[in-house]
């Protein structure tokens, strides 16, 4: 029975990785297509920010694929790739907010307080993720030194 459960687990993981890989390909094709059109017809700052956001999405999906592969290879969840995903997601949202703020400023409209609060939370979040990565590395170093 344990063998069947393990096999089912591996089949599900392979299916998830296949779907995620297909998603990455779609996102990257979209980015390349938009970039090509940008070279032909010009890109404004907002379009470039959207392209960077989509490229970061592809990077996040790649990290998720790596995490799933690592989970099934080593039978333990490594927190570092998940923290990297958190940092990338936060930076991605920071880019989108920056583009929105630029549009508000260019239009002469006041920047909503909610955007500024979200911006502050994201900056703190990136700091917390980075600190957490440092703590994970420090703990690994301590475990290696004890062995």
C-alpha atoms as a PDB file:
ATOM      1  CA  UNK A   1       0.000   0.000   0.000  1.00  0.00           C
ATOM      2  CA  UNK A   2       2.858   2.384   0.827  1.00  0.00           C
ATOM      3  CA  UNK A   3       4.298   1.790  -2.618  1.00  0.00           C
ATOM      4  CA  UNK A   4       0.999   2.734  -4.268  1.00  0.00           C
ATOM      5  CA  UNK A   5       0.747   5.922  -2.213  1.00  0.00           C
ATOM      6  CA  UNK A   6       4.334   6.902  -3.121  1.00  0.00           C
ATOM      7  CA  UNK A   7       3.677   6.228  -6.793  1.00  0.00           C
ATOM      8  CA  UNK A   8       0.468   8.268  -6.678  1.00  0.00           C
ATOM      9  CA  UNK A   9       2.359  11.061  -4.934  1.00  0.00           C
ATOM     10  CA  UNK A  10       5.032  11.048  -7.657  1.00  0.00           C
ATOM     11  CA  UNK A  11       2.437  11.042 -10.439  1.00  0.00           C
ATOM     12  CA  UNK A  12       0.688  14.040  -8.875  1.00  0.00           C
ATOM     13  CA  UNK A  13       4.008  15.865  -8.447  1.00  0.00           C
ATOM     14  CA  UNK A  14       4.953  15.155 -12.066  1.00  0.00           C
ATOM     15  CA  UNK A  15       1.569  16.461 -13.243  1.00  0.00           C
ATOM     16  CA  UNK A  16       1.961  19.629 -11.170  1.00  0.00           C
ATOM     17  CA  UNK A  17       5.476  20.194 -12.524  1.00  0.00           C
ATOM     18  CA  UNK A  18       4.241  19.639 -16.089  1.00  0.00           C
ATOM     19  CA  UNK A  19       1.427  22.177 -15.652  1.00  0.00           C
ATOM     20  CA  UNK A  20       3.804  24.701 -14.077  1.00  0.00           C
ATOM     21  CA  UNK A  21       6.380  24.178 -16.834  1.00  0.00           C
ATOM     22  CA  UNK A  22       3.701  24.725 -19.464  1.00  0.00           C
ATOM     23  CA  UNK A  23       2.671  27.892 -17.606  1.00  0.00           C
ATOM     24  CA  UNK A  24       6.257  29.178 -17.633  1.00  0.00           C
ATOM     25  CA  UNK A  25       6.495  28.565 -21.364  1.00  0.00           C
ATOM     26  CA  UNK A  26       3.249  30.481 -21.954  1.00  0.00           C
ATOM     27  CA  UNK A  27       4.394  33.409 -19.806  1.00  0.00           C
ATOM     28  CA  UNK A  28       7.780  33.560 -21.525  1.00  0.00           C
ATOM     29  CA  UNK A  29       6.220  33.384 -25.005  1.00  0.00           C
ATOM     30  CA  UNK A  30       3.940  36.257 -23.973  1.00  0.00           C
ATOM     31  CA  UNK A  31       6.904  38.285 -22.680  1.00  0.00           C
ATOM     32  CA  UNK A  32       8.931  37.692 -25.848  1.00  0.00           C
ATOM     33  CA  UNK A  33       5.950  38.621 -28.025  1.00  0.00           C
ATOM     34  CA  UNK A  34       5.330  41.851 -26.102  1.00  0.00           C
ATOM     35  CA  UNK A  35       9.031  42.653 -26.123  1.00  0.00           C
ATOM     36  CA  UNK A  36       9.195  42.124 -29.886  1.00  0.00           C
ATOM     37  CA  UNK A  37       6.196  44.409 -30.394  1.00  0.00           C
ATOM     38  CA  UNK A  38       7.834  46.897 -28.050  1.00  0.00           C
ATOM     39  CA  UNK A  39      10.945  47.001 -30.192  1.00  0.00           C
ATOM     40  CA  UNK A  40       8.847  47.477 -33.311  1.00  0.00           C
ATOM     41  CA  UNK A  41       6.338  50.032 -32.014  1.00  0.00           C
ATOM     42  CA  UNK A  42       7.938  51.362 -28.820  1.00  0.00           C
ATOM     43  CA  UNK A  43       7.456  50.657 -25.137  1.00  0.00           C
ATOM     44  CA  UNK A  44       6.387  53.132 -22.522  1.00  0.00           C
ATOM     45  CA  UNK A  45       7.369  52.819 -18.886  1.00  0.00           C
ATOM     46  CA  UNK A  46       4.170  51.041 -17.882  1.00  0.00           C
ATOM     47  CA  UNK A  47       4.526  48.417 -20.635  1.00  0.00           C
ATOM     48  CA  UNK A  48       8.107  47.768 -19.609  1.00  0.00           C
ATOM     49  CA  UNK A  49       7.020  47.389 -15.985  1.00  0.00           C
ATOM     50  CA  UNK A  50       4.372  44.858 -17.050  1.00  0.00           C
ATOM     51  CA  UNK A  51       6.992  42.900 -18.995  1.00  0.00           C
ATOM     52  CA  UNK A  52       9.327  42.828 -16.006  1.00  0.00           C
ATOM     53  CA  UNK A  53       6.426  41.741 -13.816  1.00  0.00           C
ATOM     54  CA  UNK A  54       5.631  38.857 -16.163  1.00  0.00           C
ATOM     55  CA  UNK A  55       9.290  37.844 -16.352  1.00  0.00           C
ATOM     56  CA  UNK A  56       9.414  37.778 -12.554  1.00  0.00           C
ATOM     57  CA  UNK A  57       6.265  35.627 -12.587  1.00  0.00           C
ATOM     58  CA  UNK A  58       8.114  33.125 -14.782  1.00  0.00           C
ATOM     59  CA  UNK A  59      11.009  33.162 -12.316  1.00  0.00           C
ATOM     60  CA  UNK A  60       8.599  32.533  -9.421  1.00  0.00           C
ATOM     61  CA  UNK A  61       7.076  29.551 -11.223  1.00  0.00           C
ATOM     62  CA  UNK A  62      10.559  28.188 -11.913  1.00  0.00           C
ATOM     63  CA  UNK A  63      11.362  28.433  -8.186  1.00  0.00           C
ATOM     64  CA  UNK A  64       8.118  26.601  -7.373  1.00  0.00           C
ATOM     65  CA  UNK A  65       9.068  23.828  -9.812  1.00  0.00           C
ATOM     66  CA  UNK A  66      12.475  23.613  -8.143  1.00  0.00           C
ATOM     67  CA  UNK A  67      10.845  23.411  -4.704  1.00  0.00           C
ATOM     68  CA  UNK A  68       8.489  20.624  -5.764  1.00  0.00           C
ATOM     69  CA  UNK A  69      11.375  18.693  -7.332  1.00  0.00           C
ATOM     70  CA  UNK A  70      13.498  19.126  -4.235  1.00  0.00           C
ATOM     71  CA  UNK A  71      10.635  18.055  -1.995  1.00  0.00           C
ATOM     72  CA  UNK A  72      10.258  14.756  -3.797  1.00  0.00           C
ATOM     73  CA  UNK A  73      13.967  14.159  -4.256  1.00  0.00           C
ATOM     74  CA  UNK A  74      15.045  14.797  -0.657  1.00  0.00           C
ATOM     75  CA  UNK A  75      11.693  14.194   1.091  1.00  0.00           C
ATOM     76  CA  UNK A  76      11.970  17.521   2.927  1.00  0.00           C
ATOM     77  CA  UNK A  77      10.842  21.034   2.145  1.00  0.00           C
ATOM     78  CA  UNK A  78      13.664  23.536   1.768  1.00  0.00           C
ATOM     79  CA  UNK A  79      12.518  26.957   3.028  1.00  0.00           C
ATOM     80  CA  UNK A  80      15.041  28.954   0.980  1.00  0.00           C
ATOM     81  CA  UNK A  81      13.328  28.683  -2.430  1.00  0.00           C
ATOM     82  CA  UNK A  82      10.023  29.621  -0.807  1.00  0.00           C
ATOM     83  CA  UNK A  83      11.620  32.708   0.713  1.00  0.00           C
ATOM     84  CA  UNK A  84      13.074  33.574  -2.690  1.00  0.00           C
ATOM     85  CA  UNK A  85       9.566  33.274  -4.158  1.00  0.00           C
ATOM     86  CA  UNK A  86       8.326  35.677  -1.464  1.00  0.00           C
ATOM     87  CA  UNK A  87      11.038  38.193  -2.313  1.00  0.00           C
ATOM     88  CA  UNK A  88      10.356  37.934  -6.045  1.00  0.00           C
ATOM     89  CA  UNK A  89       6.595  38.283  -5.519  1.00  0.00           C
ATOM     90  CA  UNK A  90       7.127  41.350  -3.349  1.00  0.00           C
ATOM     91  CA  UNK A  91       9.467  42.963  -5.861  1.00  0.00           C
ATOM     92  CA  UNK A  92       7.012  42.159  -8.637  1.00  0.00           C
ATOM     93  CA  UNK A  93       4.224  43.942  -6.767  1.00  0.00           C
ATOM     94  CA  UNK A  94       6.579  46.848  -5.987  1.00  0.00           C
ATOM     95  CA  UNK A  95       7.141  47.270  -9.731  1.00  0.00           C
ATOM     96  CA  UNK A  96       3.408  47.331 -10.413  1.00  0.00           C
ATOM     97  CA  UNK A  97       2.790  49.860  -7.636  1.00  0.00           C
ATOM     98  CA  UNK A  98       5.632  52.026  -8.952  1.00  0.00           C
ATOM     99  CA  UNK A  99       3.998  52.084 -12.391  1.00  0.00           C
ATOM    100  CA  UNK A 100       0.617  52.951 -10.860  1.00  0.00           C
ATOM    101  CA  UNK A 101       2.138  55.742  -8.764  1.00  0.00           C
ATOM    102  CA  UNK A 102       3.885  57.117 -11.857  1.00  0.00           C
ATOM    103  CA  UNK A 103       0.524  57.245 -13.649  1.00  0.00           C
ATOM    104  CA  UNK A 104      -1.070  59.066 -10.700  1.00  0.00           C
ATOM    105  CA  UNK A 105       1.751  61.609 -10.556  1.00  0.00           C
ATOM    106  CA  UNK A 106       1.686  62.162 -14.336  1.00  0.00           C
ATOM    107  CA  UNK A 107      -2.078  62.730 -14.194  1.00  0.00           C
ATOM    108  CA  UNK A 108      -1.792  65.131 -11.271  1.00  0.00           C
ATOM    109  CA  UNK A 109      -3.949  62.869  -9.086  1.00  0.00           C
ATOM    110  CA  UNK A 110      -3.144  62.322  -5.427  1.00  0.00           C
ATOM    111  CA  UNK A 111      -1.610  58.932  -4.672  1.00  0.00           C
ATOM    112  CA  UNK A 112      -4.058  56.790  -2.671  1.00  0.00           C
ATOM    113  CA  UNK A 113      -2.960  56.105   0.889  1.00  0.00           C
ATOM    114  CA  UNK A 114      -3.682  52.397   0.404  1.00  0.00           C
ATOM    115  CA  UNK A 115      -0.943  52.191  -2.238  1.00  0.00           C
ATOM    116  CA  UNK A 116       1.549  53.903   0.034  1.00  0.00           C
ATOM    117  CA  UNK A 117       0.658  51.583   2.920  1.00  0.00           C
ATOM    118  CA  UNK A 118       1.001  48.542   0.642  1.00  0.00           C
ATOM    119  CA  UNK A 119       4.349  49.864  -0.548  1.00  0.00           C
ATOM    120  CA  UNK A 120       5.567  50.125   3.040  1.00  0.00           C
ATOM    121  CA  UNK A 121       4.329  46.634   3.910  1.00  0.00           C
ATOM    122  CA  UNK A 122       6.069  45.173   0.847  1.00  0.00           C
ATOM    123  CA  UNK A 123       9.372  46.857   1.712  1.00  0.00           C
ATOM    124  CA  UNK A 124       9.168  45.481   5.251  1.00  0.00           C
ATOM    125  CA  UNK A 125       8.203  42.081   3.815  1.00  0.00           C
ATOM    126  CA  UNK A 126      11.292  41.966   1.600  1.00  0.00           C
ATOM    127  CA  UNK A 127      13.399  42.764   4.652  1.00  0.00           C
ATOM    128  CA  UNK A 128      11.734  39.996   6.667  1.00  0.00           C
ATOM    129  CA  UNK A 129      12.229  37.477   3.846  1.00  0.00           C
ATOM    130  CA  UNK A 130      15.903  38.445   3.524  1.00  0.00           C
ATOM    131  CA  UNK A 131      16.408  38.200   7.302  1.00  0.00           C
ATOM    132  CA  UNK A 132      14.677  34.799   7.294  1.00  0.00           C
ATOM    133  CA  UNK A 133      17.007  33.565   4.553  1.00  0.00           C
ATOM    134  CA  UNK A 134      19.956  34.694   6.634  1.00  0.00           C
ATOM    135  CA  UNK A 135      18.585  32.801   9.643  1.00  0.00           C
ATOM    136  CA  UNK A 136      18.086  29.630   7.585  1.00  0.00           C
ATOM    137  CA  UNK A 137      21.679  29.867   6.323  1.00  0.00           C
ATOM    138  CA  UNK A 138      22.987  30.515   9.847  1.00  0.00           C
ATOM    139  CA  UNK A 139      21.103  27.489  11.171  1.00  0.00           C
ATOM    140  CA  UNK A 140      22.492  25.296   8.372  1.00  0.00           C
ATOM    141  CA  UNK A 141      25.994  26.532   9.135  1.00  0.00           C
ATOM    142  CA  UNK A 142      25.537  25.722  12.829  1.00  0.00           C
ATOM    143  CA  UNK A 143      24.303  22.217  12.010  1.00  0.00           C
ATOM    144  CA  UNK A 144      27.274  21.639   9.661  1.00  0.00           C
ATOM    145  CA  UNK A 145      29.745  22.852  12.302  1.00  0.00           C
ATOM    146  CA  UNK A 146      28.238  20.515  14.923  1.00  0.00           C
ATOM    147  CA  UNK A 147      28.548  17.485  12.657  1.00  0.00           C
END
